[in-house]
Amino acid sequence: MNIILVFSILVIASSSCVQSQLLDGIYCGTKNCYDILNVNREASKHEIGKNYRKLAKQYHPDLHKGHDAKQKAEEQFKIIATAYEILKDDESRTDYDYMLDHPDEYYAHYYRYYRRRVTPKVDVKIVIFVVITIISAFQYYNGWQRYDEAIKYFLSVPKYRSRAVDIAIQDGLLDSDKRSKGKSKKSKEEIEKVIKGIIEDKMDIKGAYAKPIITDLLWIQLLICPYTILKYIWWYASWIWRHNLLNQPYSEEEKLYIIRKYMKIGKNQFDSQEDSKIQDYLDKELWIKENFDSWFKNEEENAKKLLAENNRHKQYRRYLKNHGVGRMTFDDS
């Protein structure tokens, strides 16, 4: 009698332990998804699918007659479908098995369940494709916007505008006689269009405001990335072979590259400088480290002298001397 009583207590405790692993409101609720489909935890996807189809056919509402029978079958059919949805997906099944093995992590189970339910099931490849496309489109639009800003700026500068008008007159695109009247005279919009075209053709805009090139887009850069890497490896190996081993002289492009590296500025910023200034770098042989260090030191000293002679900078230093740092004022001068 005592043995039977102990056995009953163990069965009840075991049942309570199993129920305590199941949480209401997530997965299959207080029921075990494996038990609903009549499979064990080691069952394969094929076995789970086979049992699901068998039970779905058995409890399909259309196969039952009568309101009560149809309603009960529909409820059971939903339970079976829910269990199958959870166990057919590897990630969802892993989370469910983790809940069965770690029943004490109450809030973590709810988080995992609703995170998977709320997160949209979108292919990562599609997301990456869309993001790269959006970035490339923004690059292209932003590049043309900056280029148009540069063209508008040159149109507003009298020196460049007058030069463009002279070229247009020489090419016969504009009439040299401003007093000419009649149908042959171009409208203001047409004249502006001609001048703008001349500036676009003749003006060599470099740097960040240069005319956008399709190869600068992120999509194209990713596509030609293997070629770019191989090109860089070849260039680096060639540099070591020609200059470190054979001691060959640098070309003009290589000299400018060394100077740019010494200055620690980007290619666009370096190329945006005046041609005369870049030629001055070459004339002073700044690709030689000693020459560059000497030139850079002189530039720093000249910059300090200009600051010392600047009235606004003198006012700023006088203010710091009298009031110290850490205060903000509005300069209305």
Protein backbone atom coordinates (compact mmCIF):
# COMPACT_ATOMS: atom_id res chain seq x y z
CA MET A 1 0.00 0.00 0.00
CA ASN A 2 2.81 2.39 0.90
CA ILE A 3 4.59 1.55 -2.35
CA ILE A 4 1.50 2.43 -4.38
CA LEU A 5 1.13 5.73 -2.49
CA VAL A 6 4.76 6.72 -3.11
CA PHE A 7 4.45 5.82 -6.78
CA SER A 8 1.31 7.99 -7.11
CA ILE A 9 3.06 10.93 -5.48
CA LEU A 10 6.01 10.58 -7.89
CA VAL A 11 3.68 10.50 -10.89
CA ILE A 12 1.84 13.62 -9.70
CA ALA A 13 5.14 15.43 -9.00
CA SER A 14 6.49 14.47 -12.40
CA SER A 15 3.32 15.73 -14.07
CA SER A 16 3.55 19.01 -12.13
CA CYS A 17 7.18 19.40 -13.15
CA VAL A 18 6.30 18.97 -16.82
CA GLN A 19 3.43 21.46 -16.57
CA SER A 20 5.69 23.97 -14.85
CA GLN A 21 7.91 23.97 -17.92
CA LEU A 22 5.04 25.19 -20.12
CA LEU A 23 3.97 28.83 -20.12
CA ASP A 24 0.54 30.08 -21.01
CA GLY A 25 0.31 32.49 -23.93
CA ILE A 26 3.39 31.34 -25.84
CA TYR A 27 4.09 28.39 -28.13
CA CYS A 28 1.44 25.71 -27.43
CA GLY A 29 0.42 27.18 -24.08
CA THR A 30 0.19 24.67 -21.24
CA LYS A 31 0.24 21.78 -23.69
CA ASN A 32 3.38 20.14 -25.04
CA CYS A 33 3.83 20.64 -28.78
CA TYR A 34 5.44 17.22 -29.16
CA ASP A 35 2.55 15.52 -27.37
CA ILE A 36 0.03 17.33 -29.56
CA LEU A 37 1.62 15.84 -32.69
CA ASN A 38 2.24 12.47 -30.98
CA VAL A 39 6.02 12.60 -31.47
CA ASN A 40 9.01 12.69 -29.15
CA ARG A 41 11.74 15.35 -28.96
CA GLU A 42 14.08 13.29 -31.14
CA ALA A 43 11.57 13.13 -34.02
CA SER A 44 12.77 14.21 -37.45
CA LYS A 45 11.10 16.80 -39.65
CA HIS A 46 9.70 14.02 -41.78
CA GLU A 47 8.03 12.34 -38.81
CA ILE A 48 6.63 15.65 -37.56
CA GLY A 49 5.23 16.48 -40.99
CA LYS A 50 3.76 13.02 -41.42
CA ASN A 51 1.94 13.12 -38.07
CA TYR A 52 0.76 16.66 -38.71
CA ARG A 53 -0.84 15.73 -42.03
CA LYS A 54 -2.48 12.73 -40.41
CA LEU A 55 -3.92 14.74 -37.52
CA ALA A 56 -4.88 17.69 -39.76
CA LYS A 57 -6.89 15.34 -41.93
CA GLN A 58 -8.50 13.80 -38.87
CA TYR A 59 -9.54 17.10 -37.28
CA HIS A 60 -10.24 19.20 -40.36
CA PRO A 61 -13.49 21.10 -39.69
CA ASP A 62 -14.91 20.35 -43.14
CA LEU A 63 -14.88 16.63 -42.36
CA HIS A 64 -17.14 16.99 -39.30
CA LYS A 65 -20.88 17.49 -39.22
CA GLY A 66 -22.84 19.30 -36.63
CA HIS A 67 -22.13 22.65 -35.04
CA ASP A 68 -20.55 21.32 -31.82
CA ALA A 69 -18.44 18.69 -33.55
CA LYS A 70 -17.24 21.20 -36.16
CA GLN A 71 -16.36 23.76 -33.46
CA LYS A 72 -14.37 21.24 -31.40
CA ALA A 73 -12.57 20.02 -34.53
CA GLU A 74 -11.72 23.59 -35.50
CA GLU A 75 -10.20 24.33 -32.07
CA GLN A 76 -8.14 21.13 -32.17
CA PHE A 77 -7.09 21.86 -35.75
CA LYS A 78 -5.73 25.29 -34.69
CA ILE A 79 -3.79 23.67 -31.82
CA ILE A 80 -2.29 21.10 -34.20
CA ALA A 81 -1.38 23.80 -36.74
CA THR A 82 0.28 25.92 -34.03
CA ALA A 83 2.35 22.97 -32.81
CA TYR A 84 3.44 22.19 -36.36
CA GLU A 85 4.42 25.83 -37.08
CA ILE A 86 6.68 25.80 -34.01
CA LEU A 87 8.34 22.42 -34.60
CA LYS A 88 8.83 22.66 -38.36
CA ASP A 89 11.11 25.70 -38.04
CA ASP A 90 14.60 24.86 -36.73
CA GLU A 91 15.13 28.14 -34.86
CA SER A 92 11.66 28.13 -33.31
CA ARG A 93 12.05 24.49 -32.30
CA THR A 94 15.44 25.26 -30.71
CA ASP A 95 13.87 28.04 -28.64
CA TYR A 96 11.03 25.73 -27.61
CA ASP A 97 13.43 22.97 -26.57
CA TYR A 98 15.42 25.52 -24.59
CA MET A 99 12.25 26.51 -22.74
CA LEU A 100 11.57 22.87 -21.86
CA ASP A 101 15.13 22.46 -20.55
CA HIS A 102 15.27 25.81 -18.70
CA PRO A 103 11.80 26.44 -17.24
CA ASP A 104 13.15 28.92 -14.67
CA GLU A 105 14.05 31.56 -17.31
CA TYR A 106 10.50 32.87 -17.37
CA TYR A 107 10.96 36.32 -18.94
CA ALA A 108 13.63 35.15 -21.38
CA HIS A 109 11.19 32.68 -22.93
CA TYR A 110 8.58 35.39 -23.48
CA TYR A 111 11.26 37.64 -25.04
CA ARG A 112 12.48 34.97 -27.45
CA TYR A 113 8.97 34.03 -28.46
CA TYR A 114 7.66 37.53 -29.16
CA ARG A 115 10.93 38.67 -30.71
CA ARG A 116 10.54 35.96 -33.33
CA ARG A 117 6.84 36.71 -33.78
CA VAL A 118 7.23 40.48 -34.12
CA THR A 119 10.43 40.54 -36.20
CA PRO A 120 9.48 40.56 -39.90
CA LYS A 121 10.65 37.48 -41.73
CA VAL A 122 12.62 39.15 -44.50
CA ASP A 123 15.56 37.61 -46.31
CA VAL A 124 18.79 39.25 -45.17
CA LYS A 125 20.04 39.27 -48.76
CA ILE A 126 17.09 41.40 -49.83
CA VAL A 127 17.71 43.83 -46.97
CA ILE A 128 21.39 44.17 -47.90
CA PHE A 129 20.49 44.63 -51.58
CA VAL A 130 17.97 47.37 -50.78
CA VAL A 131 20.34 49.18 -48.35
CA ILE A 132 23.22 49.19 -50.85
CA THR A 133 20.88 50.39 -53.60
CA ILE A 134 19.57 53.25 -51.45
CA ILE A 135 23.12 54.31 -50.48
CA SER A 136 24.22 54.22 -54.14
CA ALA A 137 21.19 56.28 -55.22
CA PHE A 138 21.91 58.82 -52.47
CA GLN A 139 25.56 59.01 -53.54
CA TYR A 140 24.56 59.65 -57.14
CA TYR A 141 21.96 62.30 -56.25
CA ASN A 142 24.22 64.01 -53.72
CA GLY A 143 27.13 64.04 -56.20
CA TRP A 144 25.07 65.77 -58.89
CA GLN A 145 23.68 68.21 -56.33
CA ARG A 146 27.17 69.27 -55.23
CA TYR A 147 28.30 69.51 -58.85
CA ASP A 148 25.34 71.79 -59.68
CA GLU A 149 26.21 73.96 -56.68
CA ALA A 150 29.76 74.35 -58.01
CA ILE A 151 28.48 75.30 -61.49
CA LYS A 152 26.08 77.87 -59.99
CA TYR A 153 28.95 79.32 -57.98
CA PHE A 154 31.14 79.77 -61.07
CA LEU A 155 28.19 81.32 -62.90
CA SER A 156 27.95 83.94 -60.14
CA VAL A 157 31.67 84.84 -60.23
CA PRO A 158 32.23 87.67 -62.78
CA LYS A 159 35.72 86.46 -63.76
CA TYR A 160 34.56 82.98 -64.82
CA ARG A 161 31.30 84.26 -66.30
CA SER A 162 33.06 86.80 -68.50
CA ARG A 163 35.52 84.20 -69.70
CA ALA A 164 32.66 81.83 -70.57
CA VAL A 165 30.89 84.61 -72.51
CA ASP A 166 34.08 85.34 -74.50
CA ILE A 167 34.44 81.66 -75.40
CA ALA A 168 30.78 81.48 -76.43
CA ILE A 169 31.22 84.52 -78.69
CA GLN A 170 34.38 83.04 -80.24
CA ASP A 171 32.54 79.79 -80.95
CA GLY A 172 29.61 81.66 -82.45
CA LEU A 173 27.18 80.56 -79.77
CA LEU A 174 26.42 84.14 -78.71
CA ASP A 175 26.14 87.41 -80.67
CA SER A 176 28.95 89.83 -79.87
CA ASP A 177 26.70 92.85 -80.49
CA LYS A 178 24.67 93.30 -77.32
CA ARG A 179 22.57 95.97 -79.05
CA SER A 180 21.36 93.62 -81.76
CA LYS A 181 17.61 93.22 -81.93
CA GLY A 182 15.21 90.95 -83.70
CA LYS A 183 14.41 87.27 -83.76
CA SER A 184 18.07 86.27 -83.94
CA LYS A 185 18.66 87.58 -80.43
CA LYS A 186 18.63 84.83 -77.82
CA SER A 187 16.46 84.98 -74.74
CA LYS A 188 17.93 85.35 -71.26
CA GLU A 189 17.26 81.69 -70.50
CA GLU A 190 19.04 80.58 -73.66
CA ILE A 191 22.05 82.76 -72.89
CA GLU A 192 22.29 81.34 -69.37
CA LYS A 193 22.09 77.83 -70.81
CA VAL A 194 24.93 78.53 -73.24
CA ILE A 195 27.15 80.08 -70.53
CA LYS A 196 26.44 77.17 -68.19
CA GLY A 197 27.35 74.70 -70.93
CA ILE A 198 30.65 76.48 -71.56
CA ILE A 199 31.54 76.42 -67.86
CA GLU A 200 30.67 72.72 -67.61
CA ASP A 201 32.86 71.91 -70.63
CA LYS A 202 35.83 74.15 -69.82
CA MET A 203 35.92 74.25 -66.02
CA ASP A 204 38.02 71.51 -64.48
CA ILE A 205 36.25 70.95 -61.14
CA LYS A 206 38.13 68.63 -58.82
CA GLY A 207 37.63 67.28 -55.34
CA ALA A 208 34.32 66.68 -53.60
CA TYR A 209 32.44 68.95 -56.07
CA ALA A 210 33.70 67.17 -59.18
CA LYS A 211 31.29 65.73 -61.71
CA PRO A 212 30.04 62.39 -60.33
CA ILE A 213 31.42 59.24 -61.92
CA ILE A 214 29.40 56.04 -61.94
CA THR A 215 32.41 54.00 -60.81
CA ASP A 216 32.38 55.91 -57.49
CA LEU A 217 29.01 54.42 -56.52
CA LEU A 218 28.97 51.84 -53.75
CA TRP A 219 27.39 49.14 -55.95
CA ILE A 220 30.10 49.52 -58.61
CA GLN A 221 32.83 49.65 -55.96
CA LEU A 222 31.60 46.36 -54.49
CA LEU A 223 31.42 44.73 -57.92
CA ILE A 224 34.95 45.76 -58.87
CA CYS A 225 36.33 45.16 -55.36
CA PRO A 226 38.32 42.01 -56.37
CA TYR A 227 39.86 43.93 -59.26
CA THR A 228 40.68 46.87 -56.96
CA ILE A 229 42.38 44.58 -54.43
CA LEU A 230 44.46 42.86 -57.12
CA LYS A 231 45.36 46.23 -58.60
CA TYR A 232 46.53 47.51 -55.22
CA ILE A 233 48.60 44.36 -54.57
CA TRP A 234 50.22 44.70 -58.00
CA TRP A 235 50.87 48.41 -57.43
CA TYR A 236 52.40 47.81 -53.99
CA ALA A 237 54.61 44.97 -55.25
CA SER A 238 55.67 47.09 -58.22
CA TRP A 239 56.51 49.98 -55.90
CA ILE A 240 58.77 47.79 -53.75
CA TRP A 241 60.44 46.27 -56.82
CA ARG A 242 61.07 49.55 -58.68
CA HIS A 243 61.91 51.92 -55.83
CA ASN A 244 63.10 49.82 -52.88
CA LEU A 245 65.07 47.24 -54.84
CA LEU A 246 66.01 48.89 -58.16
CA ASN A 247 66.10 52.48 -56.80
CA GLN A 248 64.32 53.86 -59.85
CA PRO A 249 63.23 57.54 -59.76
CA TYR A 250 59.63 58.44 -58.94
CA SER A 251 57.20 59.50 -61.65
CA GLU A 252 55.29 62.78 -61.24
CA GLU A 253 52.15 60.93 -60.14
CA GLU A 254 54.13 58.99 -57.55
CA LYS A 255 55.76 62.17 -56.25
CA LEU A 256 52.33 63.73 -55.76
CA TYR A 257 51.15 60.58 -53.99
CA ILE A 258 54.06 60.79 -51.51
CA ILE A 259 53.43 64.50 -50.91
CA ARG A 260 49.73 63.82 -50.28
CA LYS A 261 50.59 61.09 -47.78
CA TYR A 262 52.95 63.44 -45.96
CA MET A 263 50.18 66.06 -45.79
CA LYS A 264 47.71 63.43 -44.51
CA ILE A 265 44.85 64.61 -46.70
CA GLY A 266 42.53 62.76 -49.04
CA LYS A 267 42.89 62.59 -52.81
CA ASN A 268 39.83 64.78 -53.47
CA GLN A 269 41.06 67.47 -51.10
CA PHE A 270 44.56 67.38 -52.60
CA ASP A 271 43.31 67.50 -56.21
CA SER A 272 40.98 70.42 -55.44
CA GLN A 273 43.98 72.73 -54.94
CA GLU A 274 45.14 75.13 -57.62
CA ASP A 275 47.42 73.65 -60.29
CA SER A 276 50.01 76.33 -59.55
CA LYS A 277 50.09 75.28 -55.90
CA ILE A 278 50.56 71.62 -56.79
CA GLN A 279 53.32 72.56 -59.21
CA ASP A 280 54.96 74.53 -56.40
CA TYR A 281 55.05 71.33 -54.32
CA LEU A 282 56.90 69.61 -57.14
CA ASP A 283 59.30 72.52 -57.63
CA LYS A 284 60.20 72.41 -53.93
CA GLU A 285 60.68 68.62 -54.13
CA LEU A 286 58.40 67.98 -51.18
CA TRP A 287 58.34 64.22 -51.84
CA ILE A 288 61.72 64.24 -50.10
CA LYS A 289 61.02 63.91 -46.38
CA GLU A 290 63.62 66.49 -45.28
CA ASN A 291 62.30 69.08 -47.73
CA PHE A 292 58.72 68.47 -46.63
CA ASP A 293 59.56 68.78 -42.92
CA SER A 294 61.34 72.07 -43.53
CA TRP A 295 58.49 73.40 -45.71
CA PHE A 296 55.84 72.30 -43.19
CA LYS A 297 57.68 74.03 -40.34
CA ASN A 298 57.83 77.27 -42.34
CA GLU A 299 54.13 77.00 -43.15
CA GLU A 300 53.27 76.63 -39.47
CA GLU A 301 55.37 79.68 -38.57
CA ASN A 302 53.74 81.76 -41.31
CA ALA A 303 50.29 80.69 -40.11
CA LYS A 304 51.16 81.77 -36.56
CA LYS A 305 52.38 85.16 -37.83
CA LEU A 306 49.17 85.70 -39.77
CA LEU A 307 47.13 84.85 -36.70
CA ALA A 308 49.20 87.19 -34.55
CA GLU A 309 48.60 90.04 -37.01
CA ASN A 310 44.87 89.31 -37.36
CA ASN A 311 42.74 91.83 -35.45
CA ARG A 312 39.95 89.38 -34.68
CA HIS A 313 42.42 86.88 -33.31
CA LYS A 314 43.97 89.62 -31.15
CA GLN A 315 40.54 90.42 -29.74
CA TYR A 316 39.98 86.74 -29.01
CA ARG A 317 43.30 86.41 -27.17
CA ARG A 318 42.58 89.62 -25.21
CA TYR A 319 39.18 88.24 -24.23
CA LEU A 320 40.71 84.94 -23.05
CA LYS A 321 43.23 86.85 -21.00
CA ASN A 322 40.54 88.94 -19.29
CA HIS A 323 37.69 86.44 -18.98
CA GLY A 324 39.22 83.00 -19.37
CA VAL A 325 37.81 80.06 -21.33
CA GLY A 326 34.50 78.26 -21.01
CA ARG A 327 32.12 81.13 -21.83
CA MET A 328 30.06 81.75 -24.96
CA THR A 329 29.46 85.26 -26.36
CA PHE A 330 27.76 86.63 -29.44
CA ASP A 331 29.99 88.68 -31.69
CA ASP A 332 27.85 91.29 -33.44
CA SER A 333 30.74 93.26 -34.90
